[in-house]
Each structure stands twice: as C-alpha cells, then as structure tokens.
C-alpha atoms as a PDB file:
ATOM      1  CA  MET A   1      -2.115   7.228 -13.620  1.00  0.00           C
ATOM      2  CA  ASN A   2      -1.167   3.615 -14.229  1.00  0.00           C
ATOM      3  CA  ILE A   3      -1.168   1.774 -10.879  1.00  0.00           C
ATOM      4  CA  GLY A   4       0.064  -1.773 -10.246  1.00  0.00           C
ATOM      5  CA  THR A   5      -0.538  -3.984  -7.244  1.00  0.00           C
ATOM      6  CA  LEU A   6       1.729  -6.678  -5.882  1.00  0.00           C
ATOM      7  CA  GLY A   7      -0.873  -8.708  -4.062  1.00  0.00           C
ATOM      8  CA  ALA A   8      -4.590  -8.729  -4.741  1.00  0.00           C
ATOM      9  CA  GLY A   9      -6.185  -9.286  -1.339  1.00  0.00           C
ATOM     10  CA  THR A  10      -8.549  -7.063   0.610  1.00  0.00           C
ATOM     11  CA  VAL A  11      -6.228  -4.049   0.866  1.00  0.00           C
ATOM     12  CA  ALA A  12      -5.044  -4.126  -2.756  1.00  0.00           C
ATOM     13  CA  GLN A  13      -8.592  -4.536  -4.046  1.00  0.00           C
ATOM     14  CA  ALA A  14      -9.826  -1.668  -1.882  1.00  0.00           C
ATOM     15  CA  ILE A  15      -7.132   0.680  -3.188  1.00  0.00           C
ATOM     16  CA  ALA A  16      -7.767  -0.513  -6.745  1.00  0.00           C
ATOM     17  CA  ARG A  17     -11.487   0.214  -6.411  1.00  0.00           C
ATOM     18  CA  HIS A  18     -10.812   3.777  -5.268  1.00  0.00           C
ATOM     19  CA  ALA A  19      -8.316   4.195  -8.112  1.00  0.00           C
ATOM     20  CA  VAL A  20     -10.604   3.051 -10.933  1.00  0.00           C
ATOM     21  CA  ALA A  21     -13.404   5.201  -9.526  1.00  0.00           C
ATOM     22  CA  GLN A  22     -11.092   8.185 -10.141  1.00  0.00           C
ATOM     23  CA  GLY A  23     -10.260   7.065 -13.688  1.00  0.00           C
ATOM     24  CA  HIS A  24      -6.884   5.429 -13.076  1.00  0.00           C
ATOM     25  CA  GLN A  25      -5.850   2.204 -14.784  1.00  0.00           C
ATOM     26  CA  VAL A  26      -4.952  -0.655 -12.456  1.00  0.00           C
ATOM     27  CA  VAL A  27      -2.926  -3.808 -13.078  1.00  0.00           C
ATOM     28  CA  LEU A  28      -3.420  -6.400 -10.331  1.00  0.00           C
ATOM     29  CA  SER A  29      -1.099  -9.328  -9.683  1.00  0.00           C
ATOM     30  CA  ASN A  30      -0.645 -12.135  -7.201  1.00  0.00           C
ATOM     31  CA  SER A  31       1.385 -15.317  -6.790  1.00  0.00           C
ATOM     32  CA  ARG A  32      -1.324 -17.533  -8.311  1.00  0.00           C
ATOM     33  CA  GLY A  33      -1.407 -15.952 -11.747  1.00  0.00           C
ATOM     34  CA  PRO A  34      -3.728 -13.631 -13.701  1.00  0.00           C
ATOM     35  CA  ALA A  35      -6.418 -16.271 -14.291  1.00  0.00           C
ATOM     36  CA  SER A  36      -7.112 -16.421 -10.540  1.00  0.00           C
ATOM     37  CA  LEU A  37      -8.103 -12.734 -10.607  1.00  0.00           C
ATOM     38  CA  SER A  38     -10.708 -12.844 -13.385  1.00  0.00           C
ATOM     39  CA  ALA A  39     -13.673 -12.341 -11.036  1.00  0.00           C
ATOM     40  CA  VAL A  40     -11.925  -9.496  -9.220  1.00  0.00           C
ATOM     41  CA  VAL A  41     -11.096  -7.736 -12.482  1.00  0.00           C
ATOM     42  CA  ARG A  42     -14.682  -8.081 -13.706  1.00  0.00           C
ATOM     43  CA  SER A  43     -15.971  -6.521 -10.493  1.00  0.00           C
ATOM     44  CA  LEU A  44     -13.572  -3.580 -10.841  1.00  0.00           C
ATOM     45  CA  GLY A  45     -14.579  -2.808 -14.413  1.00  0.00           C
ATOM     46  CA  PRO A  46     -12.817  -1.973 -17.681  1.00  0.00           C
ATOM     47  CA  LEU A  47     -10.009   0.078 -16.154  1.00  0.00           C
ATOM     48  CA  ALA A  48      -8.657  -2.963 -14.302  1.00  0.00           C
ATOM     49  CA  ARG A  49      -6.818  -5.994 -15.598  1.00  0.00           C
ATOM     50  CA  ALA A  50      -4.702  -8.803 -14.211  1.00  0.00           C
ATOM     51  CA  SER A  51      -1.137  -9.588 -15.176  1.00  0.00           C
ATOM     52  CA  THR A  52       2.181 -10.802 -13.800  1.00  0.00           C
ATOM     53  CA  PRO A  53       3.962  -9.217 -10.824  1.00  0.00           C
ATOM     54  CA  GLU A  54       6.700  -8.063 -13.192  1.00  0.00           C
ATOM     55  CA  GLU A  55       4.212  -6.097 -15.301  1.00  0.00           C
ATOM     56  CA  ALA A  56       2.408  -4.717 -12.264  1.00  0.00           C
ATOM     57  CA  ALA A  57       5.754  -3.588 -10.838  1.00  0.00           C
ATOM     58  CA  ALA A  58       6.436  -1.629 -14.048  1.00  0.00           C
ATOM     59  CA  ALA A  59       3.502   0.736 -13.379  1.00  0.00           C
ATOM     60  CA  GLU A  60       3.999   4.416 -12.523  1.00  0.00           C
ATOM     61  CA  LEU A  61       2.957   3.710  -8.964  1.00  0.00           C
ATOM     62  CA  VAL A  62       3.023   0.287  -7.300  1.00  0.00           C
ATOM     63  CA  VAL A  63       1.115  -0.882  -4.230  1.00  0.00           C
ATOM     64  CA  LEU A  64       2.869  -3.578  -2.196  1.00  0.00           C
ATOM     65  CA  ALA A  65       0.150  -5.375  -0.238  1.00  0.00           C
ATOM     66  CA  ILE A  66       1.227  -8.935   0.512  1.00  0.00           C
ATOM     67  CA  GLY A  67       1.859 -10.993   3.622  1.00  0.00           C
ATOM     68  CA  TRP A  68       5.161 -10.224   5.324  1.00  0.00           C
ATOM     69  CA  PRO A  69       6.594 -13.765   5.028  1.00  0.00           C
ATOM     70  CA  GLN A  70       6.030 -13.599   1.246  1.00  0.00           C
ATOM     71  CA  VAL A  71       7.883 -10.315   0.751  1.00  0.00           C
ATOM     72  CA  PRO A  72      11.447 -11.607   0.101  1.00  0.00           C
ATOM     73  CA  GLN A  73      10.372 -14.106  -2.551  1.00  0.00           C
ATOM     74  CA  ALA A  74       7.864 -11.727  -4.152  1.00  0.00           C
ATOM     75  CA  VAL A  75      10.345  -8.894  -4.681  1.00  0.00           C
ATOM     76  CA  ALA A  76      13.459 -10.956  -5.447  1.00  0.00           C
ATOM     77  CA  THR A  77      12.884 -11.163  -9.218  1.00  0.00           C
ATOM     78  CA  LEU A  78      11.470  -7.683  -9.817  1.00  0.00           C
ATOM     79  CA  PRO A  79      13.455  -5.316 -12.046  1.00  0.00           C
ATOM     80  CA  PRO A  80      14.886  -2.065 -10.636  1.00  0.00           C
ATOM     81  CA  PHE A  81      12.213   0.547  -9.977  1.00  0.00           C
ATOM     82  CA  GLU A  82      14.185   3.454 -11.455  1.00  0.00           C
ATOM     83  CA  GLY A  83      12.583   6.117  -9.293  1.00  0.00           C
ATOM     84  CA  ARG A  84       8.993   4.886  -9.449  1.00  0.00           C
ATOM     85  CA  ILE A  85       6.836   5.124  -6.328  1.00  0.00           C
ATOM     86  CA  VAL A  86       5.995   2.105  -4.174  1.00  0.00           C
ATOM     87  CA  ILE A  87       3.275   2.406  -1.547  1.00  0.00           C
ATOM     88  CA  ASP A  88       4.237  -0.035   1.183  1.00  0.00           C
ATOM     89  CA  ALA A  89       1.031  -1.268   2.812  1.00  0.00           C
ATOM     90  CA  THR A  90       2.652  -4.249   4.556  1.00  0.00           C
ATOM     91  CA  ASN A  91       2.834  -5.030   8.258  1.00  0.00           C
ATOM     92  CA  GLN A  92       5.677  -7.097   9.683  1.00  0.00           C
ATOM     93  CA  PHE A  93       3.606 -10.010  10.968  1.00  0.00           C
ATOM     94  CA  ALA A  94       6.020 -12.944  11.206  1.00  0.00           C
ATOM     95  CA  THR A  95       2.900 -14.951  12.072  1.00  0.00           C
ATOM     96  CA  PRO A  96      -0.622 -13.578  11.485  1.00  0.00           C
ATOM     97  CA  PRO A  97      -3.488 -13.110  13.956  1.00  0.00           C
ATOM     98  CA  PRO A  98      -5.074 -14.600  16.029  1.00  0.00           C
ATOM     99  CA  HIS A  99      -1.629 -15.408  17.469  1.00  0.00           C
ATOM    100  CA  PRO A 100       0.487 -12.671  15.900  1.00  0.00           C
ATOM    101  CA  LYS A 101       4.227 -12.374  16.212  1.00  0.00           C
ATOM    102  CA  ILE A 102       6.046  -9.254  15.077  1.00  0.00           C
ATOM    103  CA  ALA A 103       9.186  -9.827  13.017  1.00  0.00           C
ATOM    104  CA  ASP A 104      12.341  -8.559  14.728  1.00  0.00           C
ATOM    105  CA  LEU A 105      14.057  -6.190  12.296  1.00  0.00           C
ATOM    106  CA  GLY A 106      16.562  -4.769  14.764  1.00  0.00           C
ATOM    107  CA  GLU A 107      16.923  -1.008  14.315  1.00  0.00           C
ATOM    108  CA  LEU A 108      15.113  -0.970  10.957  1.00  0.00           C
ATOM    109  CA  THR A 109      11.494  -0.023  10.513  1.00  0.00           C
ATOM    110  CA  GLY A 110       9.374  -2.267   8.318  1.00  0.00           C
ATOM    111  CA  SER A 111       9.486   0.181   5.418  1.00  0.00           C
ATOM    112  CA  GLU A 112      13.248   0.661   5.673  1.00  0.00           C
ATOM    113  CA  PHE A 113      13.488  -3.119   5.392  1.00  0.00           C
ATOM    114  CA  ILE A 114      11.216  -3.013   2.340  1.00  0.00           C
ATOM    115  CA  ALA A 115      13.045  -0.088   0.735  1.00  0.00           C
ATOM    116  CA  ALA A 116      16.373  -1.909   0.996  1.00  0.00           C
ATOM    117  CA  ARG A 117      14.906  -4.724  -1.097  1.00  0.00           C
ATOM    118  CA  LEU A 118      13.437  -2.505  -3.832  1.00  0.00           C
ATOM    119  CA  PRO A 119      16.388  -0.899  -5.657  1.00  0.00           C
ATOM    120  CA  GLY A 120      15.510   2.506  -7.065  1.00  0.00           C
ATOM    121  CA  ALA A 121      12.026   2.659  -5.506  1.00  0.00           C
ATOM    122  CA  ARG A 122      10.744   5.761  -3.757  1.00  0.00           C
ATOM    123  CA  VAL A 123       8.907   4.058  -0.899  1.00  0.00           C
ATOM    124  CA  VAL A 124       5.959   5.680   0.857  1.00  0.00           C
ATOM    125  CA  LYS A 125       4.455   3.903   3.843  1.00  0.00           C
ATOM    126  CA  ALA A 126       0.649   4.147   3.782  1.00  0.00           C
ATOM    127  CA  PHE A 127      -2.563   2.192   4.379  1.00  0.00           C
ATOM    128  CA  ASN A 128      -0.940  -0.264   6.816  1.00  0.00           C
ATOM    129  CA  THR A 129      -2.508   1.255   9.941  1.00  0.00           C
ATOM    130  CA  LEU A 130      -6.075   0.738   8.680  1.00  0.00           C
ATOM    131  CA  TYR A 131      -8.061  -2.494   8.548  1.00  0.00           C
ATOM    132  CA  GLY A 132      -9.071  -3.450   5.042  1.00  0.00           C
ATOM    133  CA  GLN A 133     -12.760  -2.763   5.521  1.00  0.00           C
ATOM    134  CA  TYR A 134     -12.016   0.848   6.464  1.00  0.00           C
ATOM    135  CA  ILE A 135      -9.831   1.317   3.398  1.00  0.00           C
ATOM    136  CA  ALA A 136     -12.599  -0.101   1.203  1.00  0.00           C
ATOM    137  CA  ALA A 137     -15.340   2.067   2.698  1.00  0.00           C
ATOM    138  CA  ASP A 138     -16.038   5.615   1.577  1.00  0.00           C
ATOM    139  CA  PRO A 139     -13.508   7.653   3.594  1.00  0.00           C
ATOM    140  CA  ARG A 140     -15.877  10.626   3.702  1.00  0.00           C
ATOM    141  CA  HIS A 141     -18.043  10.548   6.819  1.00  0.00           C
ATOM    142  CA  THR A 142     -20.506  12.968   8.388  1.00  0.00           C
ATOM    143  CA  ALA A 143     -17.978  13.860  11.080  1.00  0.00           C
ATOM    144  CA  GLY A 144     -15.020  14.159   8.717  1.00  0.00           C
ATOM    145  CA  ARG A 145     -12.643  12.247   6.459  1.00  0.00           C
ATOM    146  CA  GLN A 146     -10.734   9.091   7.350  1.00  0.00           C
ATOM    147  CA  VAL A 147      -7.159  10.041   8.218  1.00  0.00           C
ATOM    148  CA  LEU A 148      -4.495   8.232   6.210  1.00  0.00           C
ATOM    149  CA  PHE A 149      -1.063   8.328   7.812  1.00  0.00           C
ATOM    150  CA  LEU A 150       1.925   8.237   5.479  1.00  0.00           C
ATOM    151  CA  ALA A 151       5.699   8.424   5.745  1.00  0.00           C
ATOM    152  CA  GLY A 152       8.607   8.461   3.320  1.00  0.00           C
ATOM    153  CA  ASP A 153      12.048   9.822   2.568  1.00  0.00           C
ATOM    154  CA  ASP A 154      11.167  11.457  -0.777  1.00  0.00           C
ATOM    155  CA  ALA A 155       9.085  14.645  -0.597  1.00  0.00           C
ATOM    156  CA  ASP A 156       7.871  14.474  -4.205  1.00  0.00           C
ATOM    157  CA  ALA A 157       6.765  10.853  -3.823  1.00  0.00           C
ATOM    158  CA  LYS A 158       4.843  11.746  -0.665  1.00  0.00           C
ATOM    159  CA  ALA A 159       3.211  14.670  -2.473  1.00  0.00           C
ATOM    160  CA  THR A 160       2.049  12.338  -5.249  1.00  0.00           C
ATOM    161  CA  VAL A 161       0.611   9.841  -2.763  1.00  0.00           C
ATOM    162  CA  THR A 162      -0.982  12.676  -0.789  1.00  0.00           C
ATOM    163  CA  ASP A 163      -2.718  14.044  -3.887  1.00  0.00           C
ATOM    164  CA  LEU A 164      -3.813  10.587  -5.045  1.00  0.00           C
ATOM    165  CA  THR A 165      -5.270   9.485  -1.735  1.00  0.00           C
ATOM    166  CA  ALA A 166      -6.904  12.863  -1.115  1.00  0.00           C
ATOM    167  CA  SER A 167      -8.703  12.395  -4.445  1.00  0.00           C
ATOM    168  CA  PHE A 168     -10.001   9.087  -3.059  1.00  0.00           C
ATOM    169  CA  GLY A 169     -11.508  11.072  -0.157  1.00  0.00           C
ATOM    170  CA  PHE A 170      -8.918  10.346   2.549  1.00  0.00           C
ATOM    171  CA  ALA A 171      -7.279  13.003   4.715  1.00  0.00           C
ATOM    172  CA  PRO A 172      -3.532  12.282   4.327  1.00  0.00           C
ATOM    173  CA  VAL A 173      -1.246  13.159   7.241  1.00  0.00           C
ATOM    174  CA  ASP A 174       2.517  13.207   6.595  1.00  0.00           C
ATOM    175  CA  LEU A 175       4.458  11.831   9.567  1.00  0.00           C
ATOM    176  CA  GLY A 176       7.938  12.371   8.178  1.00  0.00           C
ATOM    177  CA  SER A 177      10.609   9.837   7.249  1.00  0.00           C
ATOM    178  CA  LEU A 178      10.496   6.065   6.949  1.00  0.00           C
ATOM    179  CA  ARG A 179      12.509   5.912  10.171  1.00  0.00           C
ATOM    180  CA  GLU A 180      10.553   8.329  12.336  1.00  0.00           C
ATOM    181  CA  GLY A 181       7.094   8.207  10.780  1.00  0.00           C
ATOM    182  CA  GLY A 182       7.382   4.534   9.916  1.00  0.00           C
ATOM    183  CA  ARG A 183       8.086   3.659  13.526  1.00  0.00           C
ATOM    184  CA  LEU A 184       4.883   5.420  14.623  1.00  0.00           C
ATOM    185  CA  MET A 185       2.843   3.564  11.995  1.00  0.00           C
ATOM    186  CA  GLN A 186       4.213   0.046  12.135  1.00  0.00           C
ATOM    187  CA  LEU A 187       3.008  -2.808  14.320  1.00  0.00           C
ATOM    188  CA  GLY A 188       3.601  -1.931  17.950  1.00  0.00           C
ATOM    189  CA  GLY A 189       3.643   1.793  17.162  1.00  0.00           C
ATOM    190  CA  PRO A 190       1.093   4.183  18.647  1.00  0.00           C
ATOM    191  CA  LEU A 191      -0.754   4.739  15.347  1.00  0.00           C
ATOM    192  CA  SER A 192      -1.134   1.101  14.319  1.00  0.00           C
ATOM    193  CA  GLY A 193      -4.840   0.308  14.073  1.00  0.00           C
ATOM    194  CA  LEU A 194      -5.800   3.867  15.003  1.00  0.00           C
ATOM    195  CA  HIS A 195      -8.863   5.037  13.060  1.00  0.00           C
ATOM    196  CA  VAL A 196      -9.186   8.814  13.134  1.00  0.00           C
ATOM    197  CA  LEU A 197     -11.442  11.282  11.338  1.00  0.00           C
ATOM    198  CA  LYS A 198     -10.213  14.742  10.348  1.00  0.00           C
ATOM    199  CA  GLN A 199     -12.860  17.399  10.824  1.00  0.00           C
ATOM    200  CA  ASP A 200     -13.300  19.545   7.725  1.00  0.00           C
END
C-alpha cells in the first residue's frame, strides 16, 4: 500500500515505521518542506520519502497527524479525496499541554469536524487515544497486544484500517461511527489516553 502522512511528528513517524516494516511505501510531509525531513526519511529506509502535502494526500491511505490549530490551513488546499481513506489521529487541543484547552465543536465530534473539511474522504478515527511512545513501541507484549480503538462511518474503510493495523501487531477494536465511537475516543471521552492490552 502507498501511505501518505500529513504531519511528520512522533505519531506520524511511528505509524510510518510500522508501515515500512510491513513493506508499505510511505510519503511523509509537513509544513516546513521535504528538505526538513531528510534525516527522518534516512532513518526509515528506502521505502520512505518526503514530499509535499499535496502528494502525500494523493496516497491510497493518508494519515492526518498534525496539531489541531493547524488543521484548517493544512487541509484547505488539498484536492478532493475521491473515496480514499484518511486515518484521523488528531486531538482537538485548542491549546496543548501542560495547560490544555479542548476546542468547543458544539455537537460535532472531532472526526466529524475533520470529515466535513475533507471532501470525498472516508475518515477513520484511530491512534489518537495513545501517546506517541506507545504507538512507536512494539504493540505485542507478553500479556497481549496493544488495543487500538477505531471508529468510522464506512465499513470497508474500517476493515482496511483494521487489517493494516493488525499487521502492525495492534489489536483493533471497532467502536462504531464517527459520532458514537468518536465521542468515546476524543479528548474528554472515557477512552482517551486509555492503554489496554487484549489477551490472545
């Protein structure tokens, strides 16, 4: 699979590392340009490269892993997604820790807000409940596999993300729609920051 990342921080790099380990090609992007990612690409190996957000967003599957305040500007110039999958790994921090403030989205969940700004995308919420270091680590542990919660409105897109992340070693758990499952997963929800192992 050809996977693109919008953002190239801890979470995006962790997902990219799992992806290349399974033989997928990864295109990373950020707001500072491809040259700023040369060291990251070298560390990931020959299946990774850096490019523009527009090229990364043209991949079969796209990981959105940027700061919440940057989302509107980052997605404003992207072309329509035409049914491609976007994994939304964002959290709606209006201001980041250590003094966090959660953005008020009214009745919308964070991923519904994201989906409305990505025409044609099949959005799957995933990875946002885990700290970056737990995404980067081997999800297979002696006591079981790291649970990865996910939610989305498209069953086929969720199946693709389930299969992909299971191949990384995670134990995906489908929580339903972006409205119901997304509310459980987002900041302030009961599963935010919850690290769980599934016994095999």
